[in-house]
């Protein structure tokens, strides 16, 4: 199965169907896109080019990539807590202090 991947102007990626389940559904696509949109509209992320990837499968959202602080990592996770349709948030974002100032 070919993967669906979209790269946004802000540098984040949307990848659908790369979880434990080999199948993806319209609900997964919608969930990953909504999660990506929420994070992209946070004031701390507007105009930034942090390498983030959003994956969704079976009501789970997996966020991976790099940000320059623990605060931003937690901000991503807490911003998605009220997202309809999410059963679980898996935050695989790494903190890369070398990105400070970018």
N, C-alpha and C. Protein backbone atom coordinates (compact mmCIF):
# COMPACT_ATOMS: atom_id res chain seq x y z
N UNK A 1 0.84 -1.17 0.00
CA UNK A 1 0.00 0.00 0.00
C UNK A 1 0.88 1.24 0.00
N UNK A 2 0.64 2.16 -0.85
CA UNK A 2 1.40 3.40 -0.89
C UNK A 2 1.00 4.27 0.28
N UNK A 3 1.97 4.99 0.84
CA UNK A 3 1.63 5.87 1.96
C UNK A 3 1.12 7.19 1.42
N UNK A 4 0.25 7.80 2.19
CA UNK A 4 -0.25 9.13 1.88
C UNK A 4 0.55 10.10 2.72
N UNK A 5 1.22 11.04 2.10
CA UNK A 5 2.01 12.01 2.84
C UNK A 5 1.85 13.37 2.22
N UNK A 6 1.64 14.36 3.05
CA UNK A 6 1.53 15.73 2.60
C UNK A 6 2.50 16.56 3.42
N UNK A 7 3.26 17.41 2.77
CA UNK A 7 4.15 18.32 3.47
C UNK A 7 3.53 19.70 3.41
N UNK A 8 3.35 20.31 4.55
CA UNK A 8 2.75 21.64 4.63
C UNK A 8 3.83 22.70 4.51
N UNK A 9 3.40 23.90 4.22
CA UNK A 9 4.33 25.02 4.10
C UNK A 9 5.07 25.28 5.41
N UNK A 10 4.46 24.94 6.55
CA UNK A 10 5.13 25.16 7.83
C UNK A 10 6.14 24.06 8.16
N UNK A 11 6.32 23.10 7.25
CA UNK A 11 7.32 22.06 7.44
C UNK A 11 6.80 20.81 8.12
N UNK A 12 5.57 20.84 8.63
CA UNK A 12 5.04 19.65 9.27
C UNK A 12 4.56 18.66 8.21
N UNK A 13 4.49 17.42 8.58
CA UNK A 13 4.10 16.36 7.67
C UNK A 13 2.83 15.70 8.17
N UNK A 14 2.04 15.24 7.24
CA UNK A 14 0.86 14.46 7.57
C UNK A 14 1.05 13.10 6.94
N UNK A 15 1.14 12.07 7.76
CA UNK A 15 1.32 10.71 7.26
C UNK A 15 0.18 9.88 7.80
N UNK A 16 -0.51 9.21 6.92
CA UNK A 16 -1.67 8.41 7.31
C UNK A 16 -1.37 6.93 7.12
N UNK A 17 -1.75 6.12 8.10
CA UNK A 17 -1.66 4.68 7.95
C UNK A 17 -0.33 4.07 8.30
N UNK A 18 0.52 4.77 9.02
CA UNK A 18 1.80 4.22 9.41
C UNK A 18 1.81 3.88 10.89
N UNK A 19 0.80 3.20 11.34
CA UNK A 19 0.73 2.73 12.72
C UNK A 19 0.79 1.23 12.72
N UNK A 20 0.47 0.62 13.85
CA UNK A 20 0.47 -0.84 13.92
C UNK A 20 -0.51 -1.47 12.94
N UNK A 21 -1.58 -0.77 12.63
CA UNK A 21 -2.57 -1.30 11.71
C UNK A 21 -2.15 -1.02 10.26
N UNK A 22 -2.20 -2.02 9.38
CA UNK A 22 -1.78 -1.80 7.99
C UNK A 22 -2.84 -1.07 7.16
N UNK A 23 -4.00 -0.80 7.74
CA UNK A 23 -5.08 -0.17 7.01
C UNK A 23 -5.36 1.21 7.58
N UNK A 24 -5.86 2.09 6.73
CA UNK A 24 -6.29 3.39 7.24
C UNK A 24 -7.64 3.71 6.64
N UNK A 25 -8.35 4.57 7.31
CA UNK A 25 -9.71 4.88 6.94
C UNK A 25 -9.89 6.38 6.87
N UNK A 26 -10.99 6.82 6.29
CA UNK A 26 -11.27 8.25 6.20
C UNK A 26 -11.21 8.92 7.55
N UNK A 27 -11.67 8.24 8.59
CA UNK A 27 -11.64 8.82 9.94
C UNK A 27 -10.21 9.09 10.39
N UNK A 28 -9.27 8.20 10.02
CA UNK A 28 -7.86 8.40 10.36
C UNK A 28 -7.30 9.62 9.65
N UNK A 29 -7.61 9.75 8.38
CA UNK A 29 -7.14 10.90 7.59
C UNK A 29 -7.66 12.19 8.21
N UNK A 30 -8.93 12.22 8.52
CA UNK A 30 -9.54 13.41 9.11
C UNK A 30 -8.92 13.73 10.47
N UNK A 31 -8.71 12.73 11.29
CA UNK A 31 -8.16 12.93 12.62
C UNK A 31 -6.74 13.49 12.55
N UNK A 32 -5.90 12.94 11.71
CA UNK A 32 -4.52 13.42 11.58
C UNK A 32 -4.50 14.85 11.05
N UNK A 33 -5.35 15.16 10.09
CA UNK A 33 -5.40 16.52 9.54
C UNK A 33 -5.88 17.52 10.57
N UNK A 34 -6.89 17.14 11.35
CA UNK A 34 -7.40 18.06 12.38
C UNK A 34 -6.34 18.30 13.46
N UNK A 35 -5.61 17.26 13.84
CA UNK A 35 -4.54 17.40 14.83
C UNK A 35 -3.45 18.33 14.30
N UNK A 36 -3.06 18.13 13.06
CA UNK A 36 -2.03 18.96 12.44
C UNK A 36 -2.47 20.43 12.40
N UNK A 37 -3.72 20.65 12.05
CA UNK A 37 -4.26 22.01 11.96
C UNK A 37 -4.25 22.71 13.32
N UNK A 38 -4.65 21.99 14.36
CA UNK A 38 -4.67 22.58 15.70
C UNK A 38 -3.28 23.04 16.10
N UNK A 39 -2.30 22.19 15.92
CA UNK A 39 -0.93 22.54 16.31
C UNK A 39 -0.39 23.69 15.45
N UNK A 40 -0.66 23.65 14.17
CA UNK A 40 -0.17 24.70 13.26
C UNK A 40 -0.72 26.08 13.62
N UNK A 41 -1.90 26.12 14.24
CA UNK A 41 -2.51 27.40 14.60
C UNK A 41 -2.16 27.89 15.99
N UNK A 42 -1.38 27.12 16.74
CA UNK A 42 -0.94 27.59 18.06
C UNK A 42 0.03 28.74 17.86
N UNK A 43 -0.07 29.80 18.66
CA UNK A 43 0.82 30.96 18.49
C UNK A 43 2.31 30.60 18.48
N UNK A 44 2.73 29.63 19.27
CA UNK A 44 4.15 29.26 19.35
C UNK A 44 4.63 28.52 18.11
N UNK A 45 3.70 28.09 17.24
CA UNK A 45 4.08 27.32 16.07
C UNK A 45 3.89 28.08 14.76
N UNK A 46 3.16 29.18 14.81
CA UNK A 46 2.94 29.97 13.58
C UNK A 46 4.26 30.55 13.09
N UNK A 47 4.53 30.37 11.82
CA UNK A 47 5.75 30.91 11.22
C UNK A 47 7.01 30.12 11.55
N UNK A 48 6.88 29.04 12.26
CA UNK A 48 8.03 28.19 12.61
C UNK A 48 8.06 26.99 11.69
N UNK A 49 9.24 26.46 11.51
CA UNK A 49 9.40 25.31 10.62
C UNK A 49 9.91 24.10 11.41
N UNK A 50 9.15 23.71 12.43
CA UNK A 50 9.54 22.54 13.21
C UNK A 50 9.18 21.27 12.44
N UNK A 51 10.10 20.32 12.36
CA UNK A 51 9.82 19.07 11.63
C UNK A 51 8.92 18.14 12.45
N UNK A 52 7.63 18.21 12.21
CA UNK A 52 6.67 17.38 12.93
C UNK A 52 5.92 16.48 11.96
N UNK A 53 5.61 15.28 12.40
CA UNK A 53 4.84 14.33 11.62
C UNK A 53 3.62 13.92 12.43
N UNK A 54 2.47 13.91 11.78
CA UNK A 54 1.21 13.52 12.41
C UNK A 54 0.71 12.24 11.76
N UNK A 55 0.49 11.22 12.57
CA UNK A 55 -0.06 9.96 12.08
C UNK A 55 -1.31 9.64 12.87
N UNK A 56 -2.23 8.96 12.24
CA UNK A 56 -3.45 8.57 12.94
C UNK A 56 -3.83 7.15 12.53
N UNK A 57 -4.30 6.40 13.49
CA UNK A 57 -4.83 5.06 13.24
C UNK A 57 -5.66 4.65 14.45
N UNK A 58 -6.76 4.00 14.21
CA UNK A 58 -7.61 3.44 15.25
C UNK A 58 -7.82 4.39 16.43
N UNK A 59 -8.21 5.64 16.15
CA UNK A 59 -8.49 6.66 17.16
C UNK A 59 -7.26 7.13 17.92
N UNK A 60 -6.07 6.77 17.48
CA UNK A 60 -4.83 7.24 18.09
C UNK A 60 -4.18 8.26 17.19
N UNK A 61 -3.59 9.28 17.80
CA UNK A 61 -2.79 10.26 17.07
C UNK A 61 -1.36 10.11 17.57
N UNK A 62 -0.42 9.95 16.64
CA UNK A 62 0.99 9.84 16.96
C UNK A 62 1.68 11.07 16.39
N UNK A 63 2.35 11.82 17.26
CA UNK A 63 3.10 13.00 16.81
C UNK A 63 4.57 12.70 17.04
N UNK A 64 5.37 12.89 16.00
CA UNK A 64 6.81 12.70 16.13
C UNK A 64 7.51 13.88 15.47
N UNK A 65 8.78 14.01 15.76
CA UNK A 65 9.56 15.11 15.19
C UNK A 65 10.43 15.73 16.28
N UNK A 66 10.78 17.01 16.06
CA UNK A 66 11.67 17.70 16.99
C UNK A 66 11.18 19.12 17.26
N UNK A 67 11.33 19.55 18.49
CA UNK A 67 11.06 20.93 18.91
C UNK A 67 12.17 21.34 19.86
N UNK A 68 12.37 22.66 20.07
CA UNK A 68 13.49 23.11 20.89
C UNK A 68 13.26 23.12 22.40
N UNK A 69 12.06 22.76 22.89
CA UNK A 69 11.85 22.80 24.34
C UNK A 69 10.81 21.80 24.78
N UNK A 70 10.93 21.42 26.07
CA UNK A 70 9.94 20.53 26.67
C UNK A 70 8.58 21.19 26.69
N UNK A 71 8.55 22.50 26.90
CA UNK A 71 7.29 23.25 26.92
C UNK A 71 6.52 23.04 25.61
N UNK A 72 7.20 23.16 24.47
CA UNK A 72 6.53 22.99 23.18
C UNK A 72 6.05 21.56 22.98
N UNK A 73 6.83 20.60 23.45
CA UNK A 73 6.41 19.20 23.36
C UNK A 73 5.11 18.99 24.12
N UNK A 74 5.03 19.53 25.33
CA UNK A 74 3.82 19.40 26.14
C UNK A 74 2.66 20.20 25.56
N UNK A 75 2.96 21.36 24.99
CA UNK A 75 1.93 22.19 24.38
C UNK A 75 1.24 21.44 23.25
N UNK A 76 2.01 20.73 22.45
CA UNK A 76 1.43 19.93 21.36
C UNK A 76 0.44 18.92 21.95
N UNK A 77 0.87 18.21 22.94
CA UNK A 77 0.04 17.16 23.52
C UNK A 77 -1.21 17.72 24.17
N UNK A 78 -1.08 18.75 24.98
CA UNK A 78 -2.25 19.29 25.67
C UNK A 78 -3.23 19.96 24.71
N UNK A 79 -2.74 20.48 23.60
CA UNK A 79 -3.64 21.12 22.64
C UNK A 79 -4.56 20.11 21.97
N UNK A 80 -4.18 18.85 21.98
CA UNK A 80 -4.97 17.81 21.30
C UNK A 80 -5.88 17.03 22.25
N UNK A 81 -5.84 17.33 23.53
CA UNK A 81 -6.63 16.57 24.50
C UNK A 81 -8.13 16.66 24.27
N UNK A 82 -8.61 17.76 23.73
CA UNK A 82 -10.05 17.92 23.53
C UNK A 82 -10.48 17.63 22.09
N UNK A 83 -9.58 17.12 21.28
CA UNK A 83 -9.89 16.82 19.89
C UNK A 83 -10.87 15.65 19.81
N UNK A 84 -12.03 15.89 19.20
CA UNK A 84 -13.05 14.85 19.06
C UNK A 84 -12.50 13.66 18.28
N UNK A 85 -12.77 12.47 18.75
CA UNK A 85 -12.38 11.26 18.04
C UNK A 85 -11.06 10.67 18.50
N UNK A 86 -10.35 11.36 19.40
CA UNK A 86 -9.06 10.86 19.86
C UNK A 86 -9.25 9.97 21.08
N UNK A 87 -8.77 8.76 20.98
CA UNK A 87 -8.79 7.85 22.11
C UNK A 87 -7.46 7.84 22.84
N UNK A 88 -6.39 8.17 22.10
CA UNK A 88 -5.05 8.13 22.68
C UNK A 88 -4.14 9.08 21.91
N UNK A 89 -3.27 9.78 22.64
CA UNK A 89 -2.25 10.64 22.04
C UNK A 89 -0.90 10.03 22.39
N UNK A 90 -0.11 9.77 21.36
CA UNK A 90 1.24 9.23 21.56
C UNK A 90 2.22 10.31 21.14
N UNK A 91 2.92 10.86 22.11
CA UNK A 91 3.83 11.99 21.87
C UNK A 91 5.26 11.47 21.77
N UNK A 92 5.75 11.32 20.54
CA UNK A 92 7.12 10.85 20.30
C UNK A 92 8.04 12.00 19.91
N UNK A 93 7.62 13.22 20.19
CA UNK A 93 8.41 14.40 19.84
C UNK A 93 9.66 14.44 20.70
N UNK A 94 10.79 14.71 20.06
CA UNK A 94 12.08 14.83 20.75
C UNK A 94 12.42 16.28 20.97
N UNK A 95 13.15 16.54 22.04
CA UNK A 95 13.59 17.90 22.34
C UNK A 95 15.01 18.05 21.80
N UNK A 96 15.19 19.07 20.96
CA UNK A 96 16.49 19.34 20.35
C UNK A 96 16.87 20.78 20.67
N UNK A 97 17.68 20.93 21.72
CA UNK A 97 18.05 22.26 22.18
C UNK A 97 18.85 23.05 21.15
N UNK A 98 19.43 22.36 20.17
CA UNK A 98 20.19 23.07 19.14
C UNK A 98 19.27 23.91 18.25
N UNK A 99 17.97 23.67 18.36
CA UNK A 99 16.99 24.42 17.56
C UNK A 99 16.59 25.74 18.22
N UNK A 100 17.05 26.00 19.44
CA UNK A 100 16.71 27.25 20.13
C UNK A 100 17.12 28.44 19.29
N UNK A 101 16.22 29.38 19.22
CA UNK A 101 16.49 30.58 18.43
C UNK A 101 16.01 30.47 17.00
N UNK A 102 15.52 29.27 16.60
CA UNK A 102 15.04 29.13 15.23
C UNK A 102 13.55 29.30 15.16
